Amino acid sequence: MSTLRAGLAFLTVLVATLLALLWTLGREAPLVRAGQPLPTPKLGRIGGFGESSLAIFRGRPLLFVVLDAECCATQAVAVEKLSRELSRRRLAVAVAFADRDRLRVDRFVRELGLTIPVFEDPGRERLGPAFGSGRLPQFYLADREGQVVFSIVGDYDVRGTEFRAIVEPLLSPAPW
């Protein structure tokens, strides 16, 4: 009987390890990783605000998310809610849409009622070389100096406890 239990325990550990490995392999590693500077390509602003760069957020921690209007409504809403929750604690939040169809993006932003800064890069002409991966969504968290402290490609819960543990140290008062 104890041999059977030991075999089942081994099999359980083996299956759990294989599932974890498959989950990890299913994720694409971001090109920009922790410890690297967050790229600051010039991007168009939704709403006719011309072009701007992520450098405008220096001095504040920044969550930057690259999305597609077709697949990422849930993430866009979660990011908007996070921004509302943490804006008083100086977390800047911005998104960029990589869709080719600007009208679809404009409609999507209006329908969701997004108030966070929204950038666009139809066809990923600037986002692609700067951030790599074609898989969306992509999440990048940078500190006040613009250094990436966390990045992930694929679905991620920015309102969950794991992300809160990562972002909290960045929200402490600035040293000035």
C-alpha atoms as a PDB file:
ATOM      1  CA  MET A   1       0.000   0.000   0.000  1.00  0.00           C
ATOM      2  CA  SER A   2       2.806   2.458   0.826  1.00  0.00           C
ATOM      3  CA  THR A   3       4.433   1.711  -2.548  1.00  0.00           C
ATOM      4  CA  LEU A   4       1.169   2.632  -4.251  1.00  0.00           C
ATOM      5  CA  ARG A   5       0.955   5.889  -2.281  1.00  0.00           C
ATOM      6  CA  ALA A   6       4.556   6.741  -3.103  1.00  0.00           C
ATOM      7  CA  GLY A   7       3.882   6.035  -6.779  1.00  0.00           C
ATOM      8  CA  LEU A   8       0.783   8.230  -6.773  1.00  0.00           C
ATOM      9  CA  ALA A   9       2.659  11.033  -4.996  1.00  0.00           C
ATOM     10  CA  PHE A  10       5.467  10.830  -7.563  1.00  0.00           C
ATOM     11  CA  LEU A  11       2.963  10.811 -10.432  1.00  0.00           C
ATOM     12  CA  THR A  12       1.161  13.855  -8.965  1.00  0.00           C
ATOM     13  CA  VAL A  13       4.422  15.804  -8.674  1.00  0.00           C
ATOM     14  CA  LEU A  14       5.408  14.771 -12.205  1.00  0.00           C
ATOM     15  CA  VAL A  15       2.071  15.895 -13.689  1.00  0.00           C
ATOM     16  CA  ALA A  16       2.195  19.219 -11.793  1.00  0.00           C
ATOM     17  CA  THR A  17       5.751  19.835 -13.033  1.00  0.00           C
ATOM     18  CA  LEU A  18       4.782  19.064 -16.628  1.00  0.00           C
ATOM     19  CA  LEU A  19       1.755  21.367 -16.444  1.00  0.00           C
ATOM     20  CA  ALA A  20       3.895  24.185 -15.039  1.00  0.00           C
ATOM     21  CA  LEU A  21       6.449  23.631 -17.800  1.00  0.00           C
ATOM     22  CA  LEU A  22       3.770  23.692 -20.500  1.00  0.00           C
ATOM     23  CA  TRP A  23       2.286  26.879 -19.035  1.00  0.00           C
ATOM     24  CA  THR A  24       5.742  28.511 -19.040  1.00  0.00           C
ATOM     25  CA  LEU A  25       6.468  27.408 -22.601  1.00  0.00           C
ATOM     26  CA  GLY A  26       3.131  28.841 -23.704  1.00  0.00           C
ATOM     27  CA  ARG A  27       4.255  32.296 -22.578  1.00  0.00           C
ATOM     28  CA  GLU A  28       6.471  34.294 -24.839  1.00  0.00           C
ATOM     29  CA  ALA A  29       9.323  36.087 -23.110  1.00  0.00           C
ATOM     30  CA  PRO A  30       9.172  39.865 -23.468  1.00  0.00           C
ATOM     31  CA  LEU A  31      12.025  41.513 -25.355  1.00  0.00           C
ATOM     32  CA  VAL A  32      12.298  44.211 -22.690  1.00  0.00           C
ATOM     33  CA  ARG A  33      13.004  42.684 -19.301  1.00  0.00           C
ATOM     34  CA  ALA A  34      13.560  43.773 -15.729  1.00  0.00           C
ATOM     35  CA  GLY A  35      16.670  45.901 -15.331  1.00  0.00           C
ATOM     36  CA  GLN A  36      16.475  47.378 -18.825  1.00  0.00           C
ATOM     37  CA  PRO A  37      15.272  50.881 -19.685  1.00  0.00           C
ATOM     38  CA  LEU A  38      11.689  51.105 -20.926  1.00  0.00           C
ATOM     39  CA  PRO A  39      11.812  52.043 -24.631  1.00  0.00           C
ATOM     40  CA  THR A  40      10.320  55.436 -25.429  1.00  0.00           C
ATOM     41  CA  PRO A  41       9.372  55.430 -29.115  1.00  0.00           C
ATOM     42  CA  LYS A  42       7.242  58.303 -30.397  1.00  0.00           C
ATOM     43  CA  LEU A  43       3.639  57.115 -30.604  1.00  0.00           C
ATOM     44  CA  GLY A  44       0.416  58.700 -31.802  1.00  0.00           C
ATOM     45  CA  ARG A  45      -2.081  59.808 -29.147  1.00  0.00           C
ATOM     46  CA  ILE A  46      -5.740  58.864 -29.477  1.00  0.00           C
ATOM     47  CA  GLY A  47      -8.003  61.884 -29.609  1.00  0.00           C
ATOM     48  CA  GLY A  48      -5.892  64.073 -31.847  1.00  0.00           C
ATOM     49  CA  PHE A  49      -3.169  64.925 -29.352  1.00  0.00           C
ATOM     50  CA  GLY A  50      -0.352  64.420 -31.875  1.00  0.00           C
ATOM     51  CA  GLU A  51       2.631  62.298 -30.960  1.00  0.00           C
ATOM     52  CA  SER A  52       4.294  61.724 -27.641  1.00  0.00           C
ATOM     53  CA  SER A  53       6.686  59.353 -25.940  1.00  0.00           C
ATOM     54  CA  LEU A  54       6.592  57.332 -22.742  1.00  0.00           C
ATOM     55  CA  ALA A  55       9.363  59.608 -21.464  1.00  0.00           C
ATOM     56  CA  ILE A  56       6.619  62.057 -20.386  1.00  0.00           C
ATOM     57  CA  PHE A  57       5.953  59.726 -17.437  1.00  0.00           C
ATOM     58  CA  ARG A  58       9.494  59.855 -15.996  1.00  0.00           C
ATOM     59  CA  GLY A  59       9.455  60.710 -12.333  1.00  0.00           C
ATOM     60  CA  ARG A  60       6.477  58.425 -11.690  1.00  0.00           C
ATOM     61  CA  PRO A  61       6.213  54.640 -11.750  1.00  0.00           C
ATOM     62  CA  LEU A  62       4.519  53.600 -15.014  1.00  0.00           C
ATOM     63  CA  LEU A  63       2.427  50.617 -16.029  1.00  0.00           C
ATOM     64  CA  PHE A  64       2.469  50.473 -19.823  1.00  0.00           C
ATOM     65  CA  VAL A  65       0.304  47.917 -21.600  1.00  0.00           C
ATOM     66  CA  VAL A  66       0.279  47.076 -25.320  1.00  0.00           C
ATOM     67  CA  LEU A  67      -3.147  45.859 -26.422  1.00  0.00           C
ATOM     68  CA  ASP A  68      -5.331  45.012 -29.381  1.00  0.00           C
ATOM     69  CA  ALA A  69      -8.939  46.202 -29.392  1.00  0.00           C
ATOM     70  CA  GLU A  70     -10.125  42.858 -30.749  1.00  0.00           C
ATOM     71  CA  CYS A  71      -8.750  40.661 -27.982  1.00  0.00           C
ATOM     72  CA  CYS A  72      -8.014  42.745 -24.932  1.00  0.00           C
ATOM     73  CA  ALA A  73     -11.171  44.425 -23.575  1.00  0.00           C
ATOM     74  CA  THR A  74     -10.888  42.671 -20.208  1.00  0.00           C
ATOM     75  CA  GLN A  75      -7.296  43.847 -19.749  1.00  0.00           C
ATOM     76  CA  ALA A  76      -8.149  47.406 -20.826  1.00  0.00           C
ATOM     77  CA  VAL A  77     -10.930  47.608 -18.243  1.00  0.00           C
ATOM     78  CA  ALA A  78      -8.697  46.146 -15.499  1.00  0.00           C
ATOM     79  CA  VAL A  79      -5.915  48.626 -16.311  1.00  0.00           C
ATOM     80  CA  GLU A  80      -8.400  51.526 -16.226  1.00  0.00           C
ATOM     81  CA  LYS A  81      -9.688  50.402 -12.810  1.00  0.00           C
ATOM     82  CA  LEU A  82      -6.143  50.022 -11.487  1.00  0.00           C
ATOM     83  CA  SER A  83      -5.346  53.535 -12.653  1.00  0.00           C
ATOM     84  CA  ARG A  84      -8.343  54.928 -10.800  1.00  0.00           C
ATOM     85  CA  GLU A  85      -7.367  53.031  -7.647  1.00  0.00           C
ATOM     86  CA  LEU A  86      -3.689  54.034  -7.625  1.00  0.00           C
ATOM     87  CA  SER A  87      -3.511  57.409  -9.396  1.00  0.00           C
ATOM     88  CA  ARG A  88      -3.415  59.268  -6.072  1.00  0.00           C
ATOM     89  CA  ARG A  89      -0.399  57.162  -5.154  1.00  0.00           C
ATOM     90  CA  ARG A  90       1.350  58.472  -8.289  1.00  0.00           C
ATOM     91  CA  LEU A  91       1.183  55.356 -10.489  1.00  0.00           C
ATOM     92  CA  ALA A  92       0.980  56.459 -14.094  1.00  0.00           C
ATOM     93  CA  VAL A  93      -0.871  54.084 -16.404  1.00  0.00           C
ATOM     94  CA  ALA A  94      -0.914  54.176 -20.199  1.00  0.00           C
ATOM     95  CA  VAL A  95      -1.912  51.814 -22.973  1.00  0.00           C
ATOM     96  CA  ALA A  96      -1.005  51.536 -26.627  1.00  0.00           C
ATOM     97  CA  PHE A  97      -3.136  49.865 -29.259  1.00  0.00           C
ATOM     98  CA  ALA A  98      -1.406  48.070 -32.103  1.00  0.00           C
ATOM     99  CA  ASP A  99      -4.531  47.780 -34.286  1.00  0.00           C
ATOM    100  CA  ARG A 100      -4.343  48.876 -37.906  1.00  0.00           C
ATOM    101  CA  ASP A 101      -7.943  50.161 -37.811  1.00  0.00           C
ATOM    102  CA  ARG A 102      -7.882  53.548 -36.045  1.00  0.00           C
ATOM    103  CA  LEU A 103     -11.672  53.932 -36.150  1.00  0.00           C
ATOM    104  CA  ARG A 104     -12.097  50.619 -34.336  1.00  0.00           C
ATOM    105  CA  VAL A 105      -9.627  51.754 -31.656  1.00  0.00           C
ATOM    106  CA  ASP A 106     -11.381  55.134 -31.243  1.00  0.00           C
ATOM    107  CA  ARG A 107     -14.757  53.376 -30.914  1.00  0.00           C
ATOM    108  CA  PHE A 108     -13.299  50.833 -28.473  1.00  0.00           C
ATOM    109  CA  VAL A 109     -11.791  53.565 -26.266  1.00  0.00           C
ATOM    110  CA  ARG A 110     -15.087  55.488 -26.220  1.00  0.00           C
ATOM    111  CA  GLU A 111     -17.217  52.396 -25.523  1.00  0.00           C
ATOM    112  CA  LEU A 112     -15.016  51.368 -22.587  1.00  0.00           C
ATOM    113  CA  GLY A 113     -14.819  54.927 -21.291  1.00  0.00           C
ATOM    114  CA  LEU A 114     -11.028  54.828 -20.986  1.00  0.00           C
ATOM    115  CA  THR A 115      -9.630  57.932 -19.306  1.00  0.00           C
ATOM    116  CA  ILE A 116      -6.000  56.819 -19.132  1.00  0.00           C
ATOM    117  CA  PRO A 117      -3.529  58.070 -21.761  1.00  0.00           C
ATOM    118  CA  VAL A 118      -4.047  56.019 -24.930  1.00  0.00           C
ATOM    119  CA  PHE A 119      -1.403  55.726 -27.616  1.00  0.00           C
ATOM    120  CA  GLU A 120      -1.643  54.067 -31.002  1.00  0.00           C
ATOM    121  CA  ASP A 121       0.778  52.458 -33.377  1.00  0.00           C
ATOM    122  CA  PRO A 122      -1.118  51.010 -36.318  1.00  0.00           C
ATOM    123  CA  GLY A 123       0.767  47.991 -37.601  1.00  0.00           C
ATOM    124  CA  ARG A 124       3.296  48.053 -34.721  1.00  0.00           C
ATOM    125  CA  GLU A 125       5.788  50.020 -36.826  1.00  0.00           C
ATOM    126  CA  ARG A 126       7.321  51.601 -33.716  1.00  0.00           C
ATOM    127  CA  LEU A 127       6.207  49.228 -30.967  1.00  0.00           C
ATOM    128  CA  GLY A 128       7.493  46.157 -32.816  1.00  0.00           C
ATOM    129  CA  PRO A 129      11.169  47.159 -32.974  1.00  0.00           C
ATOM    130  CA  ALA A 130      11.065  48.627 -29.451  1.00  0.00           C
ATOM    131  CA  PHE A 131       9.156  45.905 -27.617  1.00  0.00           C
ATOM    132  CA  GLY A 132       9.509  42.849 -29.852  1.00  0.00           C
ATOM    133  CA  SER A 133       6.897  40.168 -29.328  1.00  0.00           C
ATOM    134  CA  GLY A 134       3.886  40.183 -31.592  1.00  0.00           C
ATOM    135  CA  ARG A 135       1.784  38.442 -28.958  1.00  0.00           C
ATOM    136  CA  LEU A 136      -0.613  40.634 -27.016  1.00  0.00           C
ATOM    137  CA  PRO A 137      -1.256  41.847 -24.414  1.00  0.00           C
ATOM    138  CA  GLN A 138       2.139  42.946 -23.105  1.00  0.00           C
ATOM    139  CA  PHE A 139       2.637  44.472 -19.643  1.00  0.00           C
ATOM    140  CA  TYR A 140       5.623  46.599 -18.563  1.00  0.00           C
ATOM    141  CA  LEU A 141       6.097  48.174 -15.151  1.00  0.00           C
ATOM    142  CA  ALA A 142       8.853  50.792 -14.885  1.00  0.00           C
ATOM    143  CA  ASP A 143      10.178  52.686 -11.875  1.00  0.00           C
ATOM    144  CA  ARG A 144      10.519  56.486 -11.568  1.00  0.00           C
ATOM    145  CA  GLU A 145      13.753  56.442 -13.563  1.00  0.00           C
ATOM    146  CA  GLY A 146      12.232  54.466 -16.441  1.00  0.00           C
ATOM    147  CA  GLN A 147      13.860  51.126 -15.600  1.00  0.00           C
ATOM    148  CA  VAL A 148      11.668  48.071 -16.174  1.00  0.00           C
ATOM    149  CA  VAL A 149      11.058  46.174 -12.942  1.00  0.00           C
ATOM    150  CA  PHE A 150       8.491  43.703 -14.325  1.00  0.00           C
ATOM    151  CA  SER A 151       7.343  42.565 -17.761  1.00  0.00           C
ATOM    152  CA  ILE A 152       5.136  39.785 -19.049  1.00  0.00           C
ATOM    153  CA  VAL A 153       3.507  38.794 -22.333  1.00  0.00           C
ATOM    154  CA  GLY A 154       0.022  37.279 -22.320  1.00  0.00           C
ATOM    155  CA  ASP A 155      -2.979  37.521 -20.024  1.00  0.00           C
ATOM    156  CA  TYR A 156      -2.109  38.878 -16.604  1.00  0.00           C
ATOM    157  CA  ASP A 157      -4.165  40.136 -13.653  1.00  0.00           C
ATOM    158  CA  VAL A 158      -2.901  43.631 -12.816  1.00  0.00           C
ATOM    159  CA  ARG A 159      -5.443  43.847 -10.000  1.00  0.00           C
ATOM    160  CA  GLY A 160      -4.251  40.653  -8.332  1.00  0.00           C
ATOM    161  CA  THR A 161      -2.091  40.216  -5.239  1.00  0.00           C
ATOM    162  CA  GLU A 162       1.037  39.252  -7.211  1.00  0.00           C
ATOM    163  CA  PHE A 163       1.063  42.523  -9.128  1.00  0.00           C
ATOM    164  CA  ARG A 164       0.234  44.517  -5.978  1.00  0.00           C
ATOM    165  CA  ALA A 165       3.284  43.021  -4.272  1.00  0.00           C
ATOM    166  CA  ILE A 166       5.435  44.118  -7.215  1.00  0.00           C
ATOM    167  CA  VAL A 167       4.026  47.644  -7.561  1.00  0.00           C
ATOM    168  CA  GLU A 168       3.714  48.595  -3.857  1.00  0.00           C
ATOM    169  CA  PRO A 169       7.440  49.318  -3.274  1.00  0.00           C
ATOM    170  CA  LEU A 170       7.386  51.708  -6.245  1.00  0.00           C
ATOM    171  CA  LEU A 171       4.531  53.697  -4.730  1.00  0.00           C
ATOM    172  CA  SER A 172       6.411  54.750  -1.634  1.00  0.00           C
ATOM    173  CA  PRO A 173       6.952  58.504  -1.381  1.00  0.00           C
ATOM    174  CA  ALA A 174       9.579  59.993  -3.665  1.00  0.00           C
ATOM    175  CA  PRO A 175      12.828  60.868  -1.859  1.00  0.00           C
ATOM    176  CA  TRP A 176      12.515  64.607  -2.528  1.00  0.00           C
END
